[in-house]
Amino acid sequence: MTSTELEFQLEHGFFWTTKLQSDFWKQFSWLSQSGKAKGTDEKADEIHVVFAPEARDISPLNPDEIGIVEWVVASLDEISEAALSSFLRYYPVMKKNLDGYDAEEQEALMPDVTSVQELSSLINLRTICVHQITRAGVPYVGLEFDCTWDEEHGLGILMNGVRTVEIGGADVAITLWIAERDAEA
């Protein structure tokens, strides 16, 4: 993980964002010939980080909140490895539930995979959502992905540290109530 001092900006008047670079995720990026992530103007190795994507006012981050984001940045490789392992285990279920495609289309969109490397050609990390709540001092982190099999809804995972809380569409990464429900359990 390479990081510099995090610089947050208020985006769209709703939430605070920053960008970071990750050597871990660089190896999994969908690269275009220009070195940009496919379909974006973003550098392929640059990750968009959103703090508190829901239910927070627009005041600047306080020191505790910055500490939460710094913990996530320092732990990102471990969180990412755990998320990818969870995706790999859950992938057969996602494939079984893929509707609306004939067998040939389904195989093109979701071929059989047996490794994280094979899975990596089908997903692309778009955003890391750092939620403002923790459980036992460990932050909730959502990873939002593009994926070959669902261009509209994408793929998301909500983690509490390295523990998988839920996998689903990209909205799972953003949705605060899922983290709140888990934190109360």
N, C-alpha and C. Protein backbone atom coordinates (compact mmCIF):
# COMPACT_ATOMS: atom_id res chain seq x y z
N MET A 1 0.85 -1.17 0.00
CA MET A 1 0.00 0.00 0.00
C MET A 1 0.89 1.22 0.00
N THR A 2 0.68 2.09 -0.93
CA THR A 2 1.38 3.36 -0.89
C THR A 2 0.38 4.42 -0.52
N SER A 3 0.77 5.30 0.36
CA SER A 3 -0.16 6.36 0.75
C SER A 3 0.61 7.62 1.04
N THR A 4 -0.03 8.69 0.80
CA THR A 4 0.49 9.99 1.19
C THR A 4 -0.51 10.54 2.18
N GLU A 5 -0.26 11.71 2.71
CA GLU A 5 -1.23 12.29 3.63
C GLU A 5 -2.56 12.43 2.90
N LEU A 6 -3.61 11.98 3.54
CA LEU A 6 -4.94 11.99 2.93
C LEU A 6 -5.47 13.42 2.88
N GLU A 7 -5.93 13.81 1.71
CA GLU A 7 -6.54 15.13 1.52
C GLU A 7 -7.99 14.92 1.14
N PHE A 8 -8.88 15.35 2.01
CA PHE A 8 -10.31 15.15 1.79
C PHE A 8 -10.93 16.37 1.12
N GLN A 9 -11.89 16.10 0.23
CA GLN A 9 -12.65 17.16 -0.43
C GLN A 9 -14.13 16.82 -0.31
N LEU A 10 -14.93 17.86 -0.14
CA LEU A 10 -16.38 17.66 -0.11
C LEU A 10 -16.85 17.48 -1.55
N GLU A 11 -17.46 16.34 -1.83
CA GLU A 11 -17.88 16.02 -3.19
C GLU A 11 -19.39 16.13 -3.31
N HIS A 12 -19.83 16.84 -4.31
CA HIS A 12 -21.26 17.00 -4.61
C HIS A 12 -22.04 17.57 -3.42
N GLY A 13 -21.35 18.18 -2.47
CA GLY A 13 -22.00 18.75 -1.31
C GLY A 13 -22.58 17.73 -0.35
N PHE A 14 -22.19 16.45 -0.50
CA PHE A 14 -22.79 15.39 0.31
C PHE A 14 -21.82 14.60 1.17
N PHE A 15 -20.62 14.30 0.66
CA PHE A 15 -19.72 13.45 1.41
C PHE A 15 -18.27 13.81 1.11
N TRP A 16 -17.42 13.41 2.04
CA TRP A 16 -15.99 13.69 1.94
C TRP A 16 -15.28 12.55 1.24
N THR A 17 -14.40 12.90 0.31
CA THR A 17 -13.68 11.90 -0.46
C THR A 17 -12.18 12.20 -0.47
N THR A 18 -11.45 11.18 -0.76
CA THR A 18 -10.02 11.29 -1.00
C THR A 18 -9.65 10.21 -2.01
N LYS A 19 -8.45 10.25 -2.50
CA LYS A 19 -7.97 9.22 -3.42
C LYS A 19 -6.67 8.68 -2.87
N LEU A 20 -6.43 7.42 -3.15
CA LEU A 20 -5.17 6.81 -2.77
C LEU A 20 -4.76 5.84 -3.85
N GLN A 21 -3.50 5.48 -3.79
CA GLN A 21 -2.99 4.48 -4.71
C GLN A 21 -2.69 3.22 -3.95
N SER A 22 -2.93 2.09 -4.61
CA SER A 22 -2.72 0.81 -3.98
C SER A 22 -2.00 -0.13 -4.94
N ASP A 23 -0.84 -0.55 -4.55
CA ASP A 23 -0.12 -1.54 -5.37
C ASP A 23 -0.90 -2.84 -5.43
N PHE A 24 -1.59 -3.18 -4.33
CA PHE A 24 -2.39 -4.40 -4.30
C PHE A 24 -3.46 -4.36 -5.39
N TRP A 25 -4.25 -3.27 -5.45
CA TRP A 25 -5.36 -3.21 -6.40
C TRP A 25 -4.90 -2.89 -7.82
N LYS A 26 -3.73 -2.32 -7.97
CA LYS A 26 -3.22 -2.02 -9.31
C LYS A 26 -3.15 -3.30 -10.15
N GLN A 27 -2.79 -4.41 -9.53
CA GLN A 27 -2.67 -5.67 -10.27
C GLN A 27 -4.02 -6.21 -10.74
N PHE A 28 -5.13 -5.70 -10.18
CA PHE A 28 -6.46 -6.18 -10.53
C PHE A 28 -7.25 -5.20 -11.40
N SER A 29 -6.67 -4.05 -11.73
CA SER A 29 -7.42 -3.03 -12.46
C SER A 29 -7.69 -3.45 -13.90
N TRP A 30 -8.88 -3.09 -14.38
CA TRP A 30 -9.20 -3.23 -15.80
C TRP A 30 -8.50 -2.09 -16.49
N LEU A 31 -7.44 -2.38 -17.17
CA LEU A 31 -6.66 -1.31 -17.79
C LEU A 31 -7.03 -1.10 -19.24
N SER A 32 -7.11 0.14 -19.61
CA SER A 32 -7.23 0.46 -21.03
C SER A 32 -5.83 0.77 -21.53
N GLN A 33 -5.67 0.96 -22.81
CA GLN A 33 -4.35 1.25 -23.35
C GLN A 33 -3.80 2.57 -22.84
N SER A 34 -4.68 3.48 -22.43
CA SER A 34 -4.22 4.79 -21.96
C SER A 34 -3.73 4.76 -20.51
N GLY A 35 -3.86 3.61 -19.83
CA GLY A 35 -3.48 3.54 -18.43
C GLY A 35 -4.58 4.00 -17.49
N LYS A 36 -5.75 4.33 -18.05
CA LYS A 36 -6.90 4.72 -17.24
C LYS A 36 -7.76 3.49 -17.02
N ALA A 37 -8.49 3.48 -15.92
CA ALA A 37 -9.44 2.40 -15.69
C ALA A 37 -10.51 2.46 -16.77
N LYS A 38 -10.88 1.32 -17.31
CA LYS A 38 -11.86 1.28 -18.39
C LYS A 38 -13.13 2.03 -18.02
N GLY A 39 -13.60 2.86 -18.95
CA GLY A 39 -14.86 3.56 -18.77
C GLY A 39 -14.77 4.77 -17.84
N THR A 40 -13.56 5.16 -17.45
CA THR A 40 -13.43 6.30 -16.54
C THR A 40 -12.29 7.19 -16.99
N ASP A 41 -12.18 8.32 -16.33
CA ASP A 41 -11.03 9.20 -16.50
C ASP A 41 -10.04 9.02 -15.35
N GLU A 42 -10.31 8.03 -14.51
CA GLU A 42 -9.48 7.78 -13.33
C GLU A 42 -8.23 7.00 -13.72
N LYS A 43 -7.11 7.31 -13.03
CA LYS A 43 -5.93 6.50 -13.20
C LYS A 43 -6.24 5.10 -12.70
N ALA A 44 -5.72 4.10 -13.37
CA ALA A 44 -6.07 2.71 -13.04
C ALA A 44 -5.66 2.31 -11.64
N ASP A 45 -4.60 2.91 -11.11
CA ASP A 45 -4.15 2.51 -9.78
C ASP A 45 -4.63 3.47 -8.70
N GLU A 46 -5.56 4.36 -9.03
CA GLU A 46 -6.08 5.32 -8.07
C GLU A 46 -7.45 4.88 -7.58
N ILE A 47 -7.62 4.85 -6.28
CA ILE A 47 -8.87 4.38 -5.68
C ILE A 47 -9.58 5.56 -5.04
N HIS A 48 -10.85 5.65 -5.31
CA HIS A 48 -11.72 6.68 -4.76
C HIS A 48 -12.20 6.19 -3.40
N VAL A 49 -11.98 6.98 -2.35
CA VAL A 49 -12.40 6.62 -0.99
C VAL A 49 -13.45 7.63 -0.55
N VAL A 50 -14.59 7.13 -0.08
CA VAL A 50 -15.67 7.97 0.42
C VAL A 50 -15.83 7.72 1.90
N PHE A 51 -15.83 8.80 2.69
CA PHE A 51 -16.10 8.64 4.11
C PHE A 51 -17.57 8.91 4.37
N ALA A 52 -18.22 8.01 5.09
CA ALA A 52 -19.62 8.14 5.50
C ALA A 52 -20.52 8.45 4.30
N PRO A 53 -20.69 7.47 3.40
CA PRO A 53 -21.52 7.74 2.21
C PRO A 53 -22.98 8.00 2.53
N GLU A 54 -23.42 7.71 3.76
CA GLU A 54 -24.81 7.97 4.16
C GLU A 54 -24.87 8.52 5.58
N ALA A 55 -25.87 9.36 5.81
CA ALA A 55 -26.30 9.76 7.15
C ALA A 55 -25.24 10.48 7.98
N ARG A 56 -24.53 11.39 7.36
CA ARG A 56 -23.59 12.23 8.10
C ARG A 56 -23.71 13.64 7.57
N ASP A 57 -23.51 14.62 8.46
CA ASP A 57 -23.54 16.00 8.00
C ASP A 57 -22.28 16.30 7.17
N ILE A 58 -22.17 17.50 6.66
CA ILE A 58 -21.05 17.82 5.76
C ILE A 58 -19.89 18.51 6.46
N SER A 59 -19.88 18.49 7.78
CA SER A 59 -18.74 19.09 8.48
C SER A 59 -17.48 18.29 8.18
N PRO A 60 -16.33 18.97 8.19
CA PRO A 60 -15.08 18.25 7.91
C PRO A 60 -14.86 17.11 8.90
N LEU A 61 -14.08 16.14 8.48
CA LEU A 61 -13.79 14.99 9.34
C LEU A 61 -13.07 15.44 10.60
N ASN A 62 -13.46 14.87 11.72
CA ASN A 62 -12.76 15.16 12.97
C ASN A 62 -11.59 14.19 13.11
N PRO A 63 -10.71 14.39 14.07
CA PRO A 63 -9.53 13.51 14.21
C PRO A 63 -9.87 12.02 14.37
N ASP A 64 -10.95 11.70 15.09
CA ASP A 64 -11.33 10.28 15.23
C ASP A 64 -11.74 9.69 13.88
N GLU A 65 -12.47 10.46 13.08
CA GLU A 65 -12.90 9.97 11.77
C GLU A 65 -11.71 9.82 10.83
N ILE A 66 -10.78 10.75 10.88
CA ILE A 66 -9.56 10.61 10.07
C ILE A 66 -8.81 9.36 10.50
N GLY A 67 -8.80 9.09 11.81
CA GLY A 67 -8.15 7.88 12.32
C GLY A 67 -8.79 6.61 11.78
N ILE A 68 -10.11 6.60 11.63
CA ILE A 68 -10.81 5.45 11.05
C ILE A 68 -10.32 5.22 9.62
N VAL A 69 -10.26 6.29 8.83
CA VAL A 69 -9.82 6.17 7.44
C VAL A 69 -8.35 5.73 7.38
N GLU A 70 -7.52 6.28 8.24
CA GLU A 70 -6.11 5.89 8.25
C GLU A 70 -5.96 4.41 8.60
N TRP A 71 -6.80 3.90 9.52
CA TRP A 71 -6.77 2.48 9.86
C TRP A 71 -7.11 1.64 8.63
N VAL A 72 -8.14 2.07 7.90
CA VAL A 72 -8.54 1.34 6.70
C VAL A 72 -7.41 1.35 5.67
N VAL A 73 -6.78 2.50 5.45
CA VAL A 73 -5.68 2.58 4.49
C VAL A 73 -4.55 1.65 4.92
N ALA A 74 -4.20 1.66 6.19
CA ALA A 74 -3.11 0.80 6.68
C ALA A 74 -3.46 -0.68 6.58
N SER A 75 -4.75 -1.01 6.64
CA SER A 75 -5.20 -2.41 6.64
C SER A 75 -5.77 -2.85 5.30
N LEU A 76 -5.69 -1.99 4.29
CA LEU A 76 -6.39 -2.26 3.04
C LEU A 76 -5.98 -3.56 2.36
N ASP A 77 -4.72 -3.90 2.38
CA ASP A 77 -4.31 -5.15 1.73
C ASP A 77 -4.98 -6.36 2.40
N GLU A 78 -5.01 -6.38 3.72
CA GLU A 78 -5.63 -7.50 4.44
C GLU A 78 -7.14 -7.52 4.23
N ILE A 79 -7.77 -6.35 4.28
CA ILE A 79 -9.21 -6.27 4.01
C ILE A 79 -9.51 -6.77 2.60
N SER A 80 -8.71 -6.34 1.66
CA SER A 80 -8.91 -6.71 0.25
C SER A 80 -8.74 -8.21 0.03
N GLU A 81 -7.71 -8.80 0.62
CA GLU A 81 -7.50 -10.24 0.49
C GLU A 81 -8.68 -11.01 1.06
N ALA A 82 -9.19 -10.58 2.21
CA ALA A 82 -10.34 -11.25 2.83
C ALA A 82 -11.58 -11.09 1.96
N ALA A 83 -11.79 -9.90 1.40
CA ALA A 83 -12.95 -9.67 0.53
C ALA A 83 -12.88 -10.54 -0.71
N LEU A 84 -11.72 -10.61 -1.34
CA LEU A 84 -11.59 -11.43 -2.55
C LEU A 84 -11.79 -12.91 -2.23
N SER A 85 -11.31 -13.37 -1.10
CA SER A 85 -11.54 -14.77 -0.70
C SER A 85 -13.03 -15.03 -0.51
N SER A 86 -13.73 -14.07 0.09
CA SER A 86 -15.18 -14.22 0.27
C SER A 86 -15.90 -14.23 -1.08
N PHE A 87 -15.50 -13.35 -1.97
CA PHE A 87 -16.11 -13.34 -3.31
C PHE A 87 -15.90 -14.69 -4.00
N LEU A 88 -14.70 -15.23 -3.90
CA LEU A 88 -14.40 -16.50 -4.56
C LEU A 88 -15.28 -17.62 -4.00
N ARG A 89 -15.48 -17.64 -2.69
CA ARG A 89 -16.36 -18.66 -2.08
C ARG A 89 -17.82 -18.45 -2.48
N TYR A 90 -18.25 -17.20 -2.61
CA TYR A 90 -19.65 -16.88 -2.90
C TYR A 90 -19.95 -16.86 -4.40
N TYR A 91 -18.93 -16.83 -5.23
CA TYR A 91 -19.09 -16.72 -6.67
C TYR A 91 -20.03 -17.79 -7.26
N PRO A 92 -19.93 -19.07 -6.88
CA PRO A 92 -20.86 -20.07 -7.43
C PRO A 92 -22.33 -19.73 -7.15
N VAL A 93 -22.61 -19.16 -5.99
CA VAL A 93 -23.99 -18.76 -5.67
C VAL A 93 -24.42 -17.61 -6.59
N MET A 94 -23.55 -16.63 -6.76
CA MET A 94 -23.87 -15.51 -7.66
C MET A 94 -24.10 -16.02 -9.08
N LYS A 95 -23.26 -16.95 -9.51
CA LYS A 95 -23.39 -17.49 -10.86
C LYS A 95 -24.71 -18.25 -11.01
N LYS A 96 -25.06 -19.03 -10.02
CA LYS A 96 -26.31 -19.80 -10.05
C LYS A 96 -27.52 -18.86 -10.13
N ASN A 97 -27.43 -17.70 -9.49
CA ASN A 97 -28.54 -16.75 -9.46
C ASN A 97 -28.57 -15.78 -10.63
N LEU A 98 -27.63 -15.89 -11.56
CA LEU A 98 -27.60 -15.01 -12.72
C LEU A 98 -28.76 -15.35 -13.66
N ASP A 99 -29.62 -14.39 -13.89
CA ASP A 99 -30.81 -14.61 -14.72
C ASP A 99 -30.75 -13.75 -15.98
N GLY A 100 -31.53 -14.14 -16.97
CA GLY A 100 -31.71 -13.33 -18.16
C GLY A 100 -30.71 -13.55 -19.27
N TYR A 101 -29.89 -14.55 -19.15
CA TYR A 101 -28.88 -14.82 -20.18
C TYR A 101 -28.95 -16.29 -20.59
N ASP A 102 -28.67 -16.55 -21.86
CA ASP A 102 -28.58 -17.94 -22.27
C ASP A 102 -27.25 -18.50 -21.78
N ALA A 103 -27.05 -19.79 -21.92
CA ALA A 103 -25.87 -20.46 -21.36
C ALA A 103 -24.56 -19.89 -21.90
N GLU A 104 -24.53 -19.57 -23.19
CA GLU A 104 -23.31 -19.03 -23.79
C GLU A 104 -22.99 -17.64 -23.23
N GLU A 105 -24.00 -16.80 -23.12
CA GLU A 105 -23.80 -15.45 -22.56
C GLU A 105 -23.37 -15.54 -21.09
N GLN A 106 -24.03 -16.44 -20.36
CA GLN A 106 -23.69 -16.60 -18.95
C GLN A 106 -22.24 -17.03 -18.79
N GLU A 107 -21.80 -17.96 -19.61
CA GLU A 107 -20.42 -18.43 -19.52
C GLU A 107 -19.43 -17.31 -19.87
N ALA A 108 -19.78 -16.44 -20.81
CA ALA A 108 -18.91 -15.32 -21.15
C ALA A 108 -18.84 -14.30 -20.01
N LEU A 109 -19.98 -14.05 -19.36
CA LEU A 109 -20.03 -13.06 -18.28
C LEU A 109 -19.50 -13.60 -16.96
N MET A 110 -19.77 -14.87 -16.69
CA MET A 110 -19.37 -15.50 -15.42
C MET A 110 -18.79 -16.88 -15.68
N PRO A 111 -17.60 -16.94 -16.25
CA PRO A 111 -17.00 -18.26 -16.47
C PRO A 111 -16.66 -18.91 -15.12
N ASP A 112 -16.45 -20.20 -15.15
CA ASP A 112 -16.02 -20.89 -13.93
C ASP A 112 -14.67 -20.32 -13.51
N VAL A 113 -14.52 -20.02 -12.24
CA VAL A 113 -13.25 -19.53 -11.71
C VAL A 113 -12.87 -20.35 -10.49
N THR A 114 -11.58 -20.54 -10.33
CA THR A 114 -11.09 -21.32 -9.19
C THR A 114 -10.04 -20.55 -8.39
N SER A 115 -9.72 -19.32 -8.83
CA SER A 115 -8.70 -18.55 -8.13
C SER A 115 -9.07 -17.07 -8.13
N VAL A 116 -8.47 -16.34 -7.22
CA VAL A 116 -8.66 -14.90 -7.16
C VAL A 116 -8.15 -14.25 -8.45
N GLN A 117 -7.07 -14.76 -9.00
CA GLN A 117 -6.54 -14.21 -10.26
C GLN A 117 -7.57 -14.32 -11.37
N GLU A 118 -8.24 -15.45 -11.49
CA GLU A 118 -9.28 -15.60 -12.51
C GLU A 118 -10.45 -14.67 -12.23
N LEU A 119 -10.82 -14.53 -10.98
CA LEU A 119 -11.90 -13.63 -10.60
C LEU A 119 -11.55 -12.18 -10.91
N SER A 120 -10.29 -11.84 -10.77
CA SER A 120 -9.87 -10.45 -10.94
C SER A 120 -10.11 -9.91 -12.34
N SER A 121 -10.18 -10.78 -13.33
CA SER A 121 -10.45 -10.30 -14.70
C SER A 121 -11.92 -9.97 -14.89
N LEU A 122 -12.76 -10.27 -13.91
CA LEU A 122 -14.21 -10.05 -14.02
C LEU A 122 -14.71 -8.89 -13.15
N ILE A 123 -13.86 -8.39 -12.25
CA ILE A 123 -14.28 -7.32 -11.35
C ILE A 123 -13.25 -6.19 -11.37
N ASN A 124 -13.70 -4.99 -10.99
CA ASN A 124 -12.83 -3.83 -10.93
C ASN A 124 -13.26 -2.96 -9.76
N LEU A 125 -12.37 -2.73 -8.81
CA LEU A 125 -12.69 -1.91 -7.65
C LEU A 125 -12.91 -0.47 -8.09
N ARG A 126 -14.06 0.08 -7.71
CA ARG A 126 -14.40 1.47 -8.05
C ARG A 126 -14.23 2.39 -6.85
N THR A 127 -14.79 1.98 -5.71
CA THR A 127 -14.83 2.88 -4.56
C THR A 127 -14.70 2.09 -3.26
N ILE A 128 -14.02 2.69 -2.31
CA ILE A 128 -13.99 2.18 -0.95
C ILE A 128 -14.85 3.12 -0.11
N CYS A 129 -15.84 2.56 0.55
CA CYS A 129 -16.73 3.34 1.41
C CYS A 129 -16.38 3.05 2.86
N VAL A 130 -15.90 4.06 3.56
CA VAL A 130 -15.55 3.91 4.97
C VAL A 130 -16.70 4.47 5.78
N HIS A 131 -17.36 3.60 6.51
CA HIS A 131 -18.51 4.03 7.30
C HIS A 131 -18.05 4.65 8.61
N GLN A 132 -18.89 5.49 9.17
CA GLN A 132 -18.56 6.25 10.36
C GLN A 132 -18.77 5.48 11.66
N ILE A 133 -19.14 4.21 11.56
CA ILE A 133 -19.34 3.42 12.77
C ILE A 133 -18.33 2.27 12.83
N THR A 134 -18.13 1.80 14.05
CA THR A 134 -17.20 0.69 14.26
C THR A 134 -17.88 -0.35 15.16
N ARG A 135 -17.30 -1.51 15.17
CA ARG A 135 -17.71 -2.56 16.10
C ARG A 135 -16.45 -3.03 16.80
N ALA A 136 -16.44 -2.89 18.12
CA ALA A 136 -15.26 -3.22 18.92
C ALA A 136 -14.02 -2.48 18.39
N GLY A 137 -14.23 -1.24 17.95
CA GLY A 137 -13.13 -0.41 17.47
C GLY A 137 -12.69 -0.69 16.04
N VAL A 138 -13.34 -1.63 15.36
CA VAL A 138 -12.96 -2.00 14.00
C VAL A 138 -13.97 -1.37 13.02
N PRO A 139 -13.50 -0.61 12.04
CA PRO A 139 -14.40 0.08 11.12
C PRO A 139 -15.12 -0.85 10.14
N TYR A 140 -16.26 -0.37 9.69
CA TYR A 140 -16.99 -1.01 8.59
C TYR A 140 -16.53 -0.38 7.30
N VAL A 141 -16.20 -1.25 6.33
CA VAL A 141 -15.67 -0.81 5.06
C VAL A 141 -16.43 -1.51 3.95
N GLY A 142 -16.93 -0.73 3.00
CA GLY A 142 -17.60 -1.31 1.84
C GLY A 142 -16.71 -1.17 0.61
N LEU A 143 -16.60 -2.23 -0.15
CA LEU A 143 -15.85 -2.20 -1.41
C LEU A 143 -16.87 -2.32 -2.54
N GLU A 144 -16.86 -1.34 -3.43
CA GLU A 144 -17.82 -1.28 -4.53
C GLU A 144 -17.08 -1.57 -5.84
N PHE A 145 -17.62 -2.53 -6.60
CA PHE A 145 -16.96 -3.00 -7.81
C PHE A 145 -17.86 -2.88 -9.04
N ASP A 146 -17.23 -2.70 -10.19
CA ASP A 146 -17.87 -3.02 -11.46
C ASP A 146 -17.66 -4.51 -11.64
N CYS A 147 -18.57 -5.16 -12.37
CA CYS A 147 -18.38 -6.58 -12.66
C CYS A 147 -18.96 -6.89 -14.03
N THR A 148 -18.46 -7.92 -14.65
CA THR A 148 -18.87 -8.25 -16.01
C THR A 148 -20.32 -8.68 -16.10
N TRP A 149 -20.87 -9.25 -15.04
CA TRP A 149 -22.20 -9.86 -15.12
C TRP A 149 -23.34 -8.94 -14.72
N ASP A 150 -23.05 -7.76 -14.18
CA ASP A 150 -24.13 -6.85 -13.79
C ASP A 150 -23.65 -5.41 -13.89
N GLU A 151 -23.73 -4.87 -15.10
CA GLU A 151 -23.26 -3.51 -15.33
C GLU A 151 -24.10 -2.48 -14.59
N GLU A 152 -25.38 -2.77 -14.36
CA GLU A 152 -26.25 -1.81 -13.70
C GLU A 152 -26.04 -1.75 -12.19
N HIS A 153 -26.00 -2.90 -11.53
CA HIS A 153 -25.95 -2.93 -10.07
C HIS A 153 -24.56 -3.19 -9.50
N GLY A 154 -23.65 -3.66 -10.31
CA GLY A 154 -22.30 -3.92 -9.84
C GLY A 154 -22.24 -4.99 -8.77
N LEU A 155 -21.18 -4.95 -7.99
CA LEU A 155 -20.90 -5.93 -6.96
C LEU A 155 -20.40 -5.18 -5.74
N GLY A 156 -20.87 -5.56 -4.57
CA GLY A 156 -20.41 -4.90 -3.36
C GLY A 156 -20.23 -5.87 -2.22
N ILE A 157 -19.36 -5.50 -1.32
CA ILE A 157 -19.14 -6.29 -0.11
C ILE A 157 -18.96 -5.32 1.04
N LEU A 158 -19.56 -5.65 2.17
CA LEU A 158 -19.38 -4.87 3.38
C LEU A 158 -18.55 -5.72 4.34
N MET A 159 -17.49 -5.13 4.83
CA MET A 159 -16.56 -5.80 5.73
C MET A 159 -16.53 -5.07 7.07
N ASN A 160 -16.31 -5.81 8.14
CA ASN A 160 -15.96 -5.23 9.43
C ASN A 160 -14.54 -5.70 9.67
N GLY A 161 -13.60 -4.84 9.32
CA GLY A 161 -12.20 -5.27 9.29
C GLY A 161 -12.05 -6.32 8.21
N VAL A 162 -11.60 -7.52 8.59
CA VAL A 162 -11.42 -8.60 7.61
C VAL A 162 -12.58 -9.59 7.64
N ARG A 163 -13.61 -9.28 8.40
CA ARG A 163 -14.79 -10.16 8.49
C ARG A 163 -15.84 -9.70 7.48
N THR A 164 -16.31 -10.62 6.66
CA THR A 164 -17.35 -10.31 5.70
C THR A 164 -18.70 -10.22 6.40
N VAL A 165 -19.40 -9.10 6.16
CA VAL A 165 -20.72 -8.89 6.73
C VAL A 165 -21.79 -9.27 5.71
N GLU A 166 -21.65 -8.78 4.47
CA GLU A 166 -22.66 -9.08 3.45
C GLU A 166 -22.06 -8.86 2.06
N ILE A 167 -22.54 -9.65 1.10
CA ILE A 167 -22.16 -9.54 -0.31
C ILE A 167 -23.44 -9.36 -1.11
N GLY A 168 -23.39 -8.50 -2.12
CA GLY A 168 -24.56 -8.29 -2.98
C GLY A 168 -24.22 -7.30 -4.07
N GLY A 169 -25.21 -6.49 -4.46
CA GLY A 169 -24.97 -5.44 -5.43
C GLY A 169 -24.09 -4.36 -4.81
N ALA A 170 -23.63 -3.43 -5.64
CA ALA A 170 -22.73 -2.38 -5.17
C ALA A 170 -23.32 -1.59 -4.00
N ASP A 171 -24.65 -1.51 -3.93
CA ASP A 171 -25.29 -0.76 -2.84
C ASP A 171 -24.97 -1.34 -1.47
N VAL A 172 -24.60 -2.61 -1.38
CA VAL A 172 -24.22 -3.22 -0.10
C VAL A 172 -23.02 -2.48 0.50
N ALA A 173 -22.12 -2.02 -0.34
CA ALA A 173 -20.93 -1.32 0.14
C ALA A 173 -21.26 0.04 0.74
N ILE A 174 -22.32 0.64 0.28
CA ILE A 174 -22.68 2.01 0.64
C ILE A 174 -23.65 2.09 1.81
N THR A 175 -24.48 1.10 1.97
CA THR A 175 -25.65 1.17 2.84
C THR A 175 -25.29 1.09 4.32
N LEU A 176 -25.54 2.18 5.02
CA LEU A 176 -25.19 2.28 6.44
C LEU A 176 -26.00 1.35 7.32
N TRP A 177 -27.29 1.15 7.02
CA TRP A 177 -28.12 0.35 7.92
C TRP A 177 -27.63 -1.10 8.02
N ILE A 178 -26.98 -1.59 7.00
CA ILE A 178 -26.44 -2.96 7.08
C ILE A 178 -25.33 -3.00 8.13
N ALA A 179 -24.46 -2.00 8.11
CA ALA A 179 -23.41 -1.93 9.12
C ALA A 179 -23.99 -1.71 10.51
N GLU A 180 -24.99 -0.86 10.62
CA GLU A 180 -25.63 -0.61 11.92
C GLU A 180 -26.27 -1.87 12.49
N ARG A 181 -26.95 -2.62 11.62
CA ARG A 181 -27.58 -3.88 12.05
C ARG A 181 -26.53 -4.85 12.57
N ASP A 182 -25.41 -4.95 11.86
CA ASP A 182 -24.35 -5.86 12.29
C ASP A 182 -23.69 -5.38 13.57
N ALA A 183 -23.50 -4.08 13.69
CA ALA A 183 -22.85 -3.54 14.90
C ALA A 183 -23.68 -3.78 16.14
N GLU A 184 -25.00 -3.83 15.98
CA GLU A 184 -25.91 -4.06 17.11
C GLU A 184 -26.03 -5.54 17.46
N ALA A 185 -25.64 -6.42 16.56
CA ALA A 185 -25.80 -7.87 16.79
C ALA A 185 -24.84 -8.36 17.85
